[in-house]
């Protein structure tokens, strides 16, 4: 699994940079996009940019490969997943809070119309 998801010497570096820093930034960016009523496809655009930033941190701090398509796609895929989760969670909160006469909570990232 070492060569598939991360290239550094330890799994802890992958967890710190990609999961904690990149995933946290992606979730916050997804929440910000939802809070400003942006469309969900914009999450993908910004996560491609954030994937470059995560790859650069791997390169600058831990001597990782900067221009590696494989590891860029791994970092970007994780950022997209975290960003979309943050987006859906915030959008669900908005729809239930601001339109509470129409919608009700139907899970951590879903809402549904109230029965008439």
PDB file of N, CA and C in Angstrom:
ATOM      1  N   UNK A   1       0.823  -1.188   0.000  1.00  0.00           N
ATOM      2  CA  UNK A   1       0.000   0.000   0.000  1.00  0.00           C
ATOM      3  C   UNK A   1       0.870   1.255   0.000  1.00  0.00           C
ATOM      4  N   UNK A   2       2.124   1.134   0.414  1.00  0.00           N
ATOM      5  CA  UNK A   2       2.974   2.312   0.510  1.00  0.00           C
ATOM      6  C   UNK A   2       3.137   3.007  -0.832  1.00  0.00           C
ATOM      7  N   UNK A   3       3.375   2.301  -1.898  1.00  0.00           N
ATOM      8  CA  UNK A   3       3.584   2.920  -3.192  1.00  0.00           C
ATOM      9  C   UNK A   3       2.304   3.357  -3.882  1.00  0.00           C
ATOM     10  N   UNK A   4       1.177   2.906  -3.393  1.00  0.00           N
ATOM     11  CA  UNK A   4      -0.078   3.215  -4.057  1.00  0.00           C
ATOM     12  C   UNK A   4      -0.651   4.569  -3.641  1.00  0.00           C
ATOM     13  N   UNK A   5      -0.695   4.850  -2.341  1.00  0.00           N
ATOM     14  CA  UNK A   5      -1.298   6.086  -1.851  1.00  0.00           C
ATOM     15  C   UNK A   5      -0.291   7.173  -1.500  1.00  0.00           C
ATOM     16  N   UNK A   6       0.863   6.794  -1.054  1.00  0.00           N
ATOM     17  CA  UNK A   6       1.834   7.792  -0.614  1.00  0.00           C
ATOM     18  C   UNK A   6       3.233   7.321  -0.965  1.00  0.00           C
ATOM     19  N   UNK A   7       4.130   8.293  -1.126  1.00  0.00           N
ATOM     20  CA  UNK A   7       5.496   7.966  -1.533  1.00  0.00           C
ATOM     21  C   UNK A   7       6.516   8.202  -0.434  1.00  0.00           C
ATOM     22  N   UNK A   8       6.145   8.907   0.605  1.00  0.00           N
ATOM     23  CA  UNK A   8       7.085   9.207   1.677  1.00  0.00           C
ATOM     24  C   UNK A   8       7.390   7.946   2.481  1.00  0.00           C
ATOM     25  N   UNK A   9       8.338   8.073   3.376  1.00  0.00           N
ATOM     26  CA  UNK A   9       8.780   6.923   4.151  1.00  0.00           C
ATOM     27  C   UNK A   9       7.789   6.445   5.181  1.00  0.00           C
ATOM     28  N   UNK A  10       6.856   7.276   5.600  1.00  0.00           N
ATOM     29  CA  UNK A  10       5.926   6.850   6.638  1.00  0.00           C
ATOM     30  C   UNK A  10       4.494   7.222   6.272  1.00  0.00           C
ATOM     31  N   UNK A  11       3.584   6.446   6.785  1.00  0.00           N
ATOM     32  CA  UNK A  11       2.167   6.692   6.577  1.00  0.00           C
ATOM     33  C   UNK A  11       1.718   7.934   7.341  1.00  0.00           C
ATOM     34  N   UNK A  12       2.434   8.280   8.407  1.00  0.00           N
ATOM     35  CA  UNK A  12       2.100   9.457   9.202  1.00  0.00           C
ATOM     36  C   UNK A  12       2.199  10.754   8.412  1.00  0.00           C
ATOM     37  N   UNK A  13       3.155  10.831   7.502  1.00  0.00           N
ATOM     38  CA  UNK A  13       3.292  12.030   6.668  1.00  0.00           C
ATOM     39  C   UNK A  13       2.080  12.160   5.754  1.00  0.00           C
ATOM     40  N   UNK A  14       1.645  11.053   5.178  1.00  0.00           N
ATOM     41  CA  UNK A  14       0.443  11.069   4.345  1.00  0.00           C
ATOM     42  C   UNK A  14      -0.767  11.493   5.157  1.00  0.00           C
ATOM     43  N   UNK A  15      -0.902  10.956   6.364  1.00  0.00           N
ATOM     44  CA  UNK A  15      -2.026  11.336   7.219  1.00  0.00           C
ATOM     45  C   UNK A  15      -1.983  12.812   7.585  1.00  0.00           C
ATOM     46  N   UNK A  16      -0.809  13.315   7.921  1.00  0.00           N
ATOM     47  CA  UNK A  16      -0.699  14.710   8.333  1.00  0.00           C
ATOM     48  C   UNK A  16      -1.003  15.661   7.184  1.00  0.00           C
ATOM     49  N   UNK A  17      -0.345  15.469   6.057  1.00  0.00           N
ATOM     50  CA  UNK A  17      -0.456  16.438   4.968  1.00  0.00           C
ATOM     51  C   UNK A  17      -1.747  16.259   4.182  1.00  0.00           C
ATOM     52  N   UNK A  18      -2.012  15.065   3.718  1.00  0.00           N
ATOM     53  CA  UNK A  18      -3.169  14.858   2.839  1.00  0.00           C
ATOM     54  C   UNK A  18      -4.468  14.801   3.617  1.00  0.00           C
ATOM     55  N   UNK A  19      -4.506  14.010   4.675  1.00  0.00           N
ATOM     56  CA  UNK A  19      -5.763  13.809   5.384  1.00  0.00           C
ATOM     57  C   UNK A  19      -6.085  14.983   6.295  1.00  0.00           C
ATOM     58  N   UNK A  20      -5.157  15.359   7.159  1.00  0.00           N
ATOM     59  CA  UNK A  20      -5.460  16.408   8.141  1.00  0.00           C
ATOM     60  C   UNK A  20      -5.433  17.797   7.502  1.00  0.00           C
ATOM     61  N   UNK A  21      -4.311  18.161   6.893  1.00  0.00           N
ATOM     62  CA  UNK A  21      -4.211  19.506   6.322  1.00  0.00           C
ATOM     63  C   UNK A  21      -5.054  19.659   5.053  1.00  0.00           C
ATOM     64  N   UNK A  22      -4.865  18.761   4.088  1.00  0.00           N
ATOM     65  CA  UNK A  22      -5.616  18.861   2.837  1.00  0.00           C
ATOM     66  C   UNK A  22      -7.098  18.590   3.016  1.00  0.00           C
ATOM     67  N   UNK A  23      -7.432  17.563   3.773  1.00  0.00           N
ATOM     68  CA  UNK A  23      -8.840  17.239   4.011  1.00  0.00           C
ATOM     69  C   UNK A  23      -9.549  18.306   4.823  1.00  0.00           C
ATOM     70  N   UNK A  24      -8.862  18.852   5.811  1.00  0.00           N
ATOM     71  CA  UNK A  24      -9.460  19.927   6.593  1.00  0.00           C
ATOM     72  C   UNK A  24      -9.700  21.177   5.778  1.00  0.00           C
ATOM     73  N   UNK A  25      -8.722  21.538   4.971  1.00  0.00           N
ATOM     74  CA  UNK A  25      -8.883  22.708   4.100  1.00  0.00           C
ATOM     75  C   UNK A  25      -9.977  22.462   3.065  1.00  0.00           C
ATOM     76  N   UNK A  26     -10.067  21.253   2.556  1.00  0.00           N
ATOM     77  CA  UNK A  26     -11.097  20.932   1.563  1.00  0.00           C
ATOM     78  C   UNK A  26     -12.494  20.996   2.179  1.00  0.00           C
ATOM     79  N   UNK A  27     -12.642  20.459   3.381  1.00  0.00           N
ATOM     80  CA  UNK A  27     -13.952  20.507   4.034  1.00  0.00           C
ATOM     81  C   UNK A  27     -14.367  21.947   4.325  1.00  0.00           C
ATOM     82  N   UNK A  28     -13.434  22.762   4.773  1.00  0.00           N
ATOM     83  CA  UNK A  28     -13.750  24.166   5.029  1.00  0.00           C
ATOM     84  C   UNK A  28     -14.058  24.912   3.736  1.00  0.00           C
ATOM     85  N   UNK A  29     -13.344  24.605   2.671  1.00  0.00           N
ATOM     86  CA  UNK A  29     -13.626  25.239   1.375  1.00  0.00           C
ATOM     87  C   UNK A  29     -14.990  24.811   0.854  1.00  0.00           C
ATOM     88  N   UNK A  30     -15.335  23.551   1.007  1.00  0.00           N
ATOM     89  CA  UNK A  30     -16.655  23.075   0.602  1.00  0.00           C
ATOM     90  C   UNK A  30     -17.762  23.754   1.379  1.00  0.00           C
ATOM     91  N   UNK A  31     -17.557  23.927   2.685  1.00  0.00           N
ATOM     92  CA  UNK A  31     -18.550  24.645   3.493  1.00  0.00           C
ATOM     93  C   UNK A  31     -18.682  26.089   3.057  1.00  0.00           C
ATOM     94  N   UNK A  32     -17.566  26.724   2.724  1.00  0.00           N
ATOM     95  CA  UNK A  32     -17.604  28.120   2.279  1.00  0.00           C
ATOM     96  C   UNK A  32     -18.318  28.254   0.945  1.00  0.00           C
ATOM     97  N   UNK A  33     -18.101  27.302   0.043  1.00  0.00           N
ATOM     98  CA  UNK A  33     -18.796  27.348  -1.236  1.00  0.00           C
ATOM     99  C   UNK A  33     -20.299  27.172  -1.054  1.00  0.00           C
ATOM    100  N   UNK A  34     -20.694  26.286  -0.161  1.00  0.00           N
ATOM    101  CA  UNK A  34     -22.122  26.094   0.090  1.00  0.00           C
ATOM    102  C   UNK A  34     -22.724  27.301   0.802  1.00  0.00           C
ATOM    103  N   UNK A  35     -21.967  27.913   1.699  1.00  0.00           N
ATOM    104  CA  UNK A  35     -22.482  29.059   2.447  1.00  0.00           C
ATOM    105  C   UNK A  35     -22.740  30.263   1.553  1.00  0.00           C
ATOM    106  N   UNK A  36     -22.023  30.349   0.445  1.00  0.00           N
ATOM    107  CA  UNK A  36     -22.233  31.452  -0.491  1.00  0.00           C
ATOM    108  C   UNK A  36     -23.131  31.032  -1.653  1.00  0.00           C
ATOM    109  N   UNK A  37     -23.830  29.908  -1.504  1.00  0.00           N
ATOM    110  CA  UNK A  37     -24.804  29.403  -2.458  1.00  0.00           C
ATOM    111  C   UNK A  37     -24.202  29.156  -3.839  1.00  0.00           C
ATOM    112  N   UNK A  38     -22.976  28.656  -3.868  1.00  0.00           N
ATOM    113  CA  UNK A  38     -22.341  28.279  -5.142  1.00  0.00           C
ATOM    114  C   UNK A  38     -22.853  26.904  -5.558  1.00  0.00           C
ATOM    115  N   UNK A  39     -22.629  26.562  -6.803  1.00  0.00           N
ATOM    116  CA  UNK A  39     -23.086  25.266  -7.298  1.00  0.00           C
ATOM    117  C   UNK A  39     -22.077  24.175  -6.923  1.00  0.00           C
ATOM    118  N   UNK A  40     -22.520  22.925  -6.846  1.00  0.00           N
ATOM    119  CA  UNK A  40     -21.628  21.841  -6.424  1.00  0.00           C
ATOM    120  C   UNK A  40     -20.464  21.583  -7.383  1.00  0.00           C
ATOM    121  N   UNK A  41     -20.603  21.882  -8.652  1.00  0.00           N
ATOM    122  CA  UNK A  41     -19.503  21.618  -9.582  1.00  0.00           C
ATOM    123  C   UNK A  41     -18.307  22.504  -9.300  1.00  0.00           C
ATOM    124  N   UNK A  42     -18.503  23.634  -8.620  1.00  0.00           N
ATOM    125  CA  UNK A  42     -17.372  24.493  -8.294  1.00  0.00           C
ATOM    126  C   UNK A  42     -16.466  23.866  -7.242  1.00  0.00           C
ATOM    127  N   UNK A  43     -16.999  22.935  -6.472  1.00  0.00           N
ATOM    128  CA  UNK A  43     -16.167  22.204  -5.512  1.00  0.00           C
ATOM    129  C   UNK A  43     -15.054  21.482  -6.257  1.00  0.00           C
ATOM    130  N   UNK A  44     -15.376  20.859  -7.369  1.00  0.00           N
ATOM    131  CA  UNK A  44     -14.365  20.120  -8.138  1.00  0.00           C
ATOM    132  C   UNK A  44     -13.262  21.050  -8.633  1.00  0.00           C
ATOM    133  N   UNK A  45     -13.634  22.205  -9.149  1.00  0.00           N
ATOM    134  CA  UNK A  45     -12.639  23.150  -9.649  1.00  0.00           C
ATOM    135  C   UNK A  45     -11.668  23.567  -8.551  1.00  0.00           C
ATOM    136  N   UNK A  46     -12.192  23.943  -7.397  1.00  0.00           N
ATOM    137  CA  UNK A  46     -11.325  24.397  -6.318  1.00  0.00           C
ATOM    138  C   UNK A  46     -10.517  23.262  -5.699  1.00  0.00           C
ATOM    139  N   UNK A  47     -11.031  22.042  -5.757  1.00  0.00           N
ATOM    140  CA  UNK A  47     -10.276  20.925  -5.208  1.00  0.00           C
ATOM    141  C   UNK A  47      -9.116  20.526  -6.117  1.00  0.00           C
ATOM    142  N   UNK A  48      -9.246  20.774  -7.430  1.00  0.00           N
ATOM    143  CA  UNK A  48      -8.095  20.570  -8.316  1.00  0.00           C
ATOM    144  C   UNK A  48      -6.970  21.533  -7.941  1.00  0.00           C
ATOM    145  N   UNK A  49      -7.316  22.763  -7.620  1.00  0.00           N
ATOM    146  CA  UNK A  49      -6.304  23.727  -7.179  1.00  0.00           C
ATOM    147  C   UNK A  49      -5.716  23.339  -5.828  1.00  0.00           C
ATOM    148  N   UNK A  50      -6.564  22.892  -4.917  1.00  0.00           N
ATOM    149  CA  UNK A  50      -6.082  22.486  -3.598  1.00  0.00           C
ATOM    150  C   UNK A  50      -5.195  21.246  -3.699  1.00  0.00           C
ATOM    151  N   UNK A  51      -5.464  20.385  -4.666  1.00  0.00           N
ATOM    152  CA  UNK A  51      -4.602  19.222  -4.887  1.00  0.00           C
ATOM    153  C   UNK A  51      -3.179  19.635  -5.230  1.00  0.00           C
ATOM    154  N   UNK A  52      -3.029  20.704  -6.016  1.00  0.00           N
ATOM    155  CA  UNK A  52      -1.689  21.233  -6.301  1.00  0.00           C
ATOM    156  C   UNK A  52      -1.019  21.728  -5.018  1.00  0.00           C
ATOM    157  N   UNK A  53      -1.774  22.401  -4.167  1.00  0.00           N
ATOM    158  CA  UNK A  53      -1.209  22.919  -2.918  1.00  0.00           C
ATOM    159  C   UNK A  53      -0.761  21.782  -2.002  1.00  0.00           C
ATOM    160  N   UNK A  54      -1.558  20.737  -1.904  1.00  0.00           N
ATOM    161  CA  UNK A  54      -1.192  19.587  -1.066  1.00  0.00           C
ATOM    162  C   UNK A  54       0.054  18.904  -1.623  1.00  0.00           C
ATOM    163  N   UNK A  55       0.118  18.763  -2.936  1.00  0.00           N
ATOM    164  CA  UNK A  55       1.295  18.160  -3.560  1.00  0.00           C
ATOM    165  C   UNK A  55       2.535  19.011  -3.308  1.00  0.00           C
ATOM    166  N   UNK A  56       2.377  20.350  -3.334  1.00  0.00           N
ATOM    167  CA  UNK A  56       3.508  21.224  -3.070  1.00  0.00           C
ATOM    168  C   UNK A  56       3.988  21.094  -1.625  1.00  0.00           C
ATOM    169  N   UNK A  57       3.095  20.934  -0.677  1.00  0.00           N
ATOM    170  CA  UNK A  57       3.505  20.745   0.717  1.00  0.00           C
ATOM    171  C   UNK A  57       4.284  19.443   0.860  1.00  0.00           C
ATOM    172  N   UNK A  58       3.832  18.387   0.194  1.00  0.00           N
ATOM    173  CA  UNK A  58       4.598  17.133   0.207  1.00  0.00           C
ATOM    174  C   UNK A  58       6.010  17.356  -0.346  1.00  0.00           C
ATOM    175  N   UNK A  59       6.099  18.121  -1.409  1.00  0.00           N
ATOM    176  CA  UNK A  59       7.387  18.391  -2.057  1.00  0.00           C
ATOM    177  C   UNK A  59       8.271  19.274  -1.190  1.00  0.00           C
ATOM    178  N   UNK A  60       7.720  20.357  -0.669  1.00  0.00           N
ATOM    179  CA  UNK A  60       8.523  21.344   0.045  1.00  0.00           C
ATOM    180  C   UNK A  60       8.978  20.858   1.420  1.00  0.00           C
ATOM    181  N   UNK A  61       8.120  20.169   2.126  1.00  0.00           N
ATOM    182  CA  UNK A  61       8.468  19.776   3.499  1.00  0.00           C
ATOM    183  C   UNK A  61       9.061  18.386   3.615  1.00  0.00           C
ATOM    184  N   UNK A  62       8.659  17.470   2.740  1.00  0.00           N
ATOM    185  CA  UNK A  62       9.067  16.086   2.921  1.00  0.00           C
ATOM    186  C   UNK A  62       9.756  15.502   1.697  1.00  0.00           C
ATOM    187  N   UNK A  63      10.238  16.338   0.785  1.00  0.00           N
ATOM    188  CA  UNK A  63      10.986  15.923  -0.406  1.00  0.00           C
ATOM    189  C   UNK A  63      10.220  14.935  -1.271  1.00  0.00           C
ATOM    190  N   UNK A  64       8.930  15.133  -1.384  1.00  0.00           N
ATOM    191  CA  UNK A  64       8.118  14.304  -2.266  1.00  0.00           C
ATOM    192  C   UNK A  64       8.275  14.759  -3.709  1.00  0.00           C
ATOM    193  N   UNK A  65       7.682  14.016  -4.607  1.00  0.00           N
ATOM    194  CA  UNK A  65       7.728  14.358  -6.024  1.00  0.00           C
ATOM    195  C   UNK A  65       6.674  15.413  -6.309  1.00  0.00           C
ATOM    196  N   UNK A  66       7.085  16.535  -6.881  1.00  0.00           N
ATOM    197  CA  UNK A  66       6.143  17.623  -7.147  1.00  0.00           C
ATOM    198  C   UNK A  66       5.270  17.312  -8.352  1.00  0.00           C
ATOM    199  N   UNK A  67       5.852  16.897  -9.447  1.00  0.00           N
ATOM    200  CA  UNK A  67       5.112  16.687 -10.686  1.00  0.00           C
ATOM    201  C   UNK A  67       4.842  15.202 -10.922  1.00  0.00           C
ATOM    202  N   UNK A  68       4.054  14.621 -10.061  1.00  0.00           N
ATOM    203  CA  UNK A  68       3.668  13.225 -10.188  1.00  0.00           C
ATOM    204  C   UNK A  68       2.154  13.157 -10.388  1.00  0.00           C
ATOM    205  N   UNK A  69       1.717  12.731 -11.548  1.00  0.00           N
ATOM    206  CA  UNK A  69       0.290  12.675 -11.836  1.00  0.00           C
ATOM    207  C   UNK A  69      -0.431  11.709 -10.898  1.00  0.00           C
ATOM    208  N   UNK A  70       0.200  10.584 -10.630  1.00  0.00           N
ATOM    209  CA  UNK A  70      -0.419   9.578  -9.772  1.00  0.00           C
ATOM    210  C   UNK A  70      -0.714  10.130  -8.377  1.00  0.00           C
ATOM    211  N   UNK A  71       0.286  10.692  -7.732  1.00  0.00           N
ATOM    212  CA  UNK A  71       0.090  11.189  -6.371  1.00  0.00           C
ATOM    213  C   UNK A  71      -0.754  12.461  -6.349  1.00  0.00           C
ATOM    214  N   UNK A  72      -0.703  13.250  -7.419  1.00  0.00           N
ATOM    215  CA  UNK A  72      -1.593  14.408  -7.523  1.00  0.00           C
ATOM    216  C   UNK A  72      -3.049  13.955  -7.565  1.00  0.00           C
ATOM    217  N   UNK A  73      -3.330  12.910  -8.323  1.00  0.00           N
ATOM    218  CA  UNK A  73      -4.699  12.410  -8.404  1.00  0.00           C
ATOM    219  C   UNK A  73      -5.164  11.818  -7.081  1.00  0.00           C
ATOM    220  N   UNK A  74      -4.269  11.160  -6.357  1.00  0.00           N
ATOM    221  CA  UNK A  74      -4.631  10.628  -5.036  1.00  0.00           C
ATOM    222  C   UNK A  74      -4.965  11.777  -4.084  1.00  0.00           C
ATOM    223  N   UNK A  75      -4.116  12.802  -4.043  1.00  0.00           N
ATOM    224  CA  UNK A  75      -4.369  13.944  -3.169  1.00  0.00           C
ATOM    225  C   UNK A  75      -5.641  14.681  -3.574  1.00  0.00           C
ATOM    226  N   UNK A  76      -5.840  14.866  -4.869  1.00  0.00           N
ATOM    227  CA  UNK A  76      -7.015  15.583  -5.351  1.00  0.00           C
ATOM    228  C   UNK A  76      -8.291  14.795  -5.093  1.00  0.00           C
ATOM    229  N   UNK A  77      -8.247  13.488  -5.257  1.00  0.00           N
ATOM    230  CA  UNK A  77      -9.434  12.666  -4.992  1.00  0.00           C
ATOM    231  C   UNK A  77      -9.828  12.757  -3.527  1.00  0.00           C
ATOM    232  N   UNK A  78      -8.852  12.729  -2.634  1.00  0.00           N
ATOM    233  CA  UNK A  78      -9.175  12.859  -1.218  1.00  0.00           C
ATOM    234  C   UNK A  78      -9.736  14.243  -0.922  1.00  0.00           C
ATOM    235  N   UNK A  79      -9.145  15.273  -1.526  1.00  0.00           N
ATOM    236  CA  UNK A  79      -9.648  16.637  -1.317  1.00  0.00           C
ATOM    237  C   UNK A  79     -11.059  16.792  -1.865  1.00  0.00           C
ATOM    238  N   UNK A  80     -11.340  16.182  -3.005  1.00  0.00           N
ATOM    239  CA  UNK A  80     -12.690  16.265  -3.567  1.00  0.00           C
ATOM    240  C   UNK A  80     -13.712  15.588  -2.666  1.00  0.00           C
ATOM    241  N   UNK A  81     -13.355  14.445  -2.125  1.00  0.00           N
ATOM    242  CA  UNK A  81     -14.278  13.747  -1.229  1.00  0.00           C
ATOM    243  C   UNK A  81     -14.550  14.581   0.019  1.00  0.00           C
ATOM    244  N   UNK A  82     -13.501  15.109   0.630  1.00  0.00           N
ATOM    245  CA  UNK A  82     -13.682  15.918   1.836  1.00  0.00           C
ATOM    246  C   UNK A  82     -14.413  17.223   1.523  1.00  0.00           C
ATOM    247  N   UNK A  83     -14.100  17.831   0.389  1.00  0.00           N
ATOM    248  CA  UNK A  83     -14.766  19.070   0.002  1.00  0.00           C
ATOM    249  C   UNK A  83     -16.242  18.862  -0.271  1.00  0.00           C
ATOM    250  N   UNK A  84     -16.578  17.777  -0.925  1.00  0.00           N
ATOM    251  CA  UNK A  84     -17.976  17.510  -1.213  1.00  0.00           C
ATOM    252  C   UNK A  84     -18.749  17.163   0.053  1.00  0.00           C
ATOM    253  N   UNK A  85     -18.115  16.458   0.977  1.00  0.00           N
ATOM    254  CA  UNK A  85     -18.777  16.164   2.254  1.00  0.00           C
ATOM    255  C   UNK A  85     -19.047  17.462   3.019  1.00  0.00           C
ATOM    256  N   UNK A  86     -18.065  18.349   3.059  1.00  0.00           N
ATOM    257  CA  UNK A  86     -18.277  19.643   3.707  1.00  0.00           C
ATOM    258  C   UNK A  86     -19.365  20.455   3.019  1.00  0.00           C
ATOM    259  N   UNK A  87     -19.384  20.417   1.686  1.00  0.00           N
ATOM    260  CA  UNK A  87     -20.405  21.137   0.916  1.00  0.00           C
ATOM    261  C   UNK A  87     -21.797  20.613   1.233  1.00  0.00           C
ATOM    262  N   UNK A  88     -21.976  19.299   1.189  1.00  0.00           N
ATOM    263  CA  UNK A  88     -23.299  18.717   1.422  1.00  0.00           C
ATOM    264  C   UNK A  88     -23.760  18.925   2.857  1.00  0.00           C
ATOM    265  N   UNK A  89     -22.847  18.851   3.795  1.00  0.00           N
ATOM    266  CA  UNK A  89     -23.232  19.055   5.191  1.00  0.00           C
ATOM    267  C   UNK A  89     -23.722  20.487   5.412  1.00  0.00           C
ATOM    268  N   UNK A  90     -23.000  21.447   4.868  1.00  0.00           N
ATOM    269  CA  UNK A  90     -23.409  22.847   5.011  1.00  0.00           C
ATOM    270  C   UNK A  90     -24.693  23.128   4.237  1.00  0.00           C
ATOM    271  N   UNK A  91     -24.854  22.570   3.039  1.00  0.00           N
ATOM    272  CA  UNK A  91     -26.072  22.797   2.262  1.00  0.00           C
ATOM    273  C   UNK A  91     -27.286  22.204   2.968  1.00  0.00           C
ATOM    274  N   UNK A  92     -27.106  21.051   3.587  1.00  0.00           N
ATOM    275  CA  UNK A  92     -28.201  20.455   4.348  1.00  0.00           C
ATOM    276  C   UNK A  92     -28.583  21.340   5.517  1.00  0.00           C
ATOM    277  N   UNK A  93     -27.591  21.896   6.202  1.00  0.00           N
ATOM    278  CA  UNK A  93     -27.878  22.788   7.316  1.00  0.00           C
ATOM    279  C   UNK A  93     -28.615  24.034   6.837  1.00  0.00           C
ATOM    280  N   UNK A  94     -28.207  24.576   5.709  1.00  0.00           N
ATOM    281  CA  UNK A  94     -28.875  25.758   5.156  1.00  0.00           C
ATOM    282  C   UNK A  94     -30.320  25.465   4.800  1.00  0.00           C
ATOM    283  N   UNK A  95     -30.540  24.392   4.109  1.00  0.00           N
ATOM    284  CA  UNK A  95     -31.892  24.090   3.641  1.00  0.00           C
ATOM    285  C   UNK A  95     -32.847  23.808   4.787  1.00  0.00           C
ATOM    286  N   UNK A  96     -32.352  23.186   5.855  1.00  0.00           N
ATOM    287  CA  UNK A  96     -33.208  22.883   6.993  1.00  0.00           C
ATOM    288  C   UNK A  96     -33.408  24.123   7.869  1.00  0.00           C
ATOM    289  N   UNK A  97     -32.381  24.949   8.005  1.00  0.00           N
ATOM    290  CA  UNK A  97     -32.488  26.127   8.861  1.00  0.00           C
ATOM    291  C   UNK A  97     -33.247  27.260   8.178  1.00  0.00           C
ATOM    292  N   UNK A  98     -32.900  27.581   6.963  1.00  0.00           N
ATOM    293  CA  UNK A  98     -33.490  28.737   6.298  1.00  0.00           C
ATOM    294  C   UNK A  98     -34.849  28.439   5.679  1.00  0.00           C
ATOM    295  N   UNK A  99     -35.121  27.202   5.375  1.00  0.00           N
ATOM    296  CA  UNK A  99     -36.402  26.819   4.788  1.00  0.00           C
ATOM    297  C   UNK A  99     -37.062  25.744   5.649  1.00  0.00           C
ATOM    298  N   UNK A 100     -37.165  26.006   6.928  1.00  0.00           N
ATOM    299  CA  UNK A 100     -37.666  24.982   7.848  1.00  0.00           C
ATOM    300  C   UNK A 100     -39.154  24.698   7.671  1.00  0.00           C
ATOM    301  N   UNK A 101     -39.914  25.590   7.048  1.00  0.00           N
ATOM    302  CA  UNK A 101     -41.329  25.337   6.811  1.00  0.00           C
ATOM    303  C   UNK A 101     -41.545  24.380   5.633  1.00  0.00           C
ATOM    304  N   UNK A 102     -40.511  24.171   4.824  1.00  0.00           N
ATOM    305  CA  UNK A 102     -40.619  23.276   3.668  1.00  0.00           C
ATOM    306  C   UNK A 102     -39.829  21.992   3.873  1.00  0.00           C
ATOM    307  N   UNK A 103     -38.622  22.094   4.442  1.00  0.00           N
ATOM    308  CA  UNK A 103     -37.693  20.963   4.507  1.00  0.00           C
ATOM    309  C   UNK A 103     -37.500  20.475   5.926  1.00  0.00           C
ATOM    310  N   UNK A 104     -37.139  19.213   6.021  1.00  0.00           N
ATOM    311  CA  UNK A 104     -36.766  18.614   7.294  1.00  0.00           C
ATOM    312  C   UNK A 104     -35.510  17.772   7.093  1.00  0.00           C
ATOM    313  N   UNK A 105     -34.766  17.578   8.154  1.00  0.00           N
ATOM    314  CA  UNK A 105     -33.518  16.835   8.087  1.00  0.00           C
ATOM    315  C   UNK A 105     -33.802  15.358   7.832  1.00  0.00           C
ATOM    316  N   UNK A 106     -33.017  14.763   6.937  1.00  0.00           N
ATOM    317  CA  UNK A 106     -33.225  13.365   6.589  1.00  0.00           C
ATOM    318  C   UNK A 106     -31.924  12.573   6.690  1.00  0.00           C
ATOM    319  N   UNK A 107     -30.977  13.057   7.436  1.00  0.00           N
ATOM    320  CA  UNK A 107     -29.681  12.405   7.578  1.00  0.00           C
ATOM    321  C   UNK A 107     -28.607  13.465   7.740  1.00  0.00           C
ATOM    322  N   UNK A 108     -27.351  13.066   7.869  1.00  0.00           N
ATOM    323  CA  UNK A 108     -26.292  14.050   8.086  1.00  0.00           C
ATOM    324  C   UNK A 108     -26.026  14.946   6.884  1.00  0.00           C
ATOM    325  N   UNK A 109     -26.349  14.492   5.680  1.00  0.00           N
ATOM    326  CA  UNK A 109     -26.095  15.311   4.489  1.00  0.00           C
ATOM    327  C   UNK A 109     -27.288  15.375   3.559  1.00  0.00           C
ATOM    328  N   UNK A 110     -28.464  15.088   4.064  1.00  0.00           N
ATOM    329  CA  UNK A 110     -29.664  15.068   3.219  1.00  0.00           C
ATOM    330  C   UNK A 110     -30.794  15.825   3.883  1.00  0.00           C
ATOM    331  N   UNK A 111     -31.721  16.253   3.070  1.00  0.00           N
ATOM    332  CA  UNK A 111     -32.948  16.858   3.559  1.00  0.00           C
ATOM    333  C   UNK A 111     -34.089  16.370   2.655  1.00  0.00           C
ATOM    334  N   UNK A 112     -35.294  16.517   3.149  1.00  0.00           N
ATOM    335  CA  UNK A 112     -36.451  16.119   2.340  1.00  0.00           C
ATOM    336  C   UNK A 112     -37.580  17.104   2.611  1.00  0.00           C
ATOM    337  N   UNK A 113     -38.548  17.129   1.716  1.00  0.00           N
ATOM    338  CA  UNK A 113     -39.706  17.998   1.873  1.00  0.00           C
ATOM    339  C   UNK A 113     -40.595  17.446   2.982  1.00  0.00           C
ATOM    340  N   UNK A 114     -41.174  18.360   3.732  1.00  0.00           N
ATOM    341  CA  UNK A 114     -42.121  17.934   4.758  1.00  0.00           C
ATOM    342  C   UNK A 114     -43.400  17.451   4.092  1.00  0.00           C
ATOM    343  N   UNK A 115     -44.031  16.540   4.744  1.00  0.00           N
ATOM    344  CA  UNK A 115     -45.316  16.037   4.232  1.00  0.00           C
ATOM    345  C   UNK A 115     -46.368  17.126   4.388  1.00  0.00           C
ATOM    346  N   UNK A 116     -47.245  17.277   3.390  1.00  0.00           N
ATOM    347  CA  UNK A 116     -48.268  18.345   3.492  1.00  0.00           C
ATOM    348  C   UNK A 116     -49.319  18.038   4.543  1.00  0.00           C
TER     349      UNK A 116
END
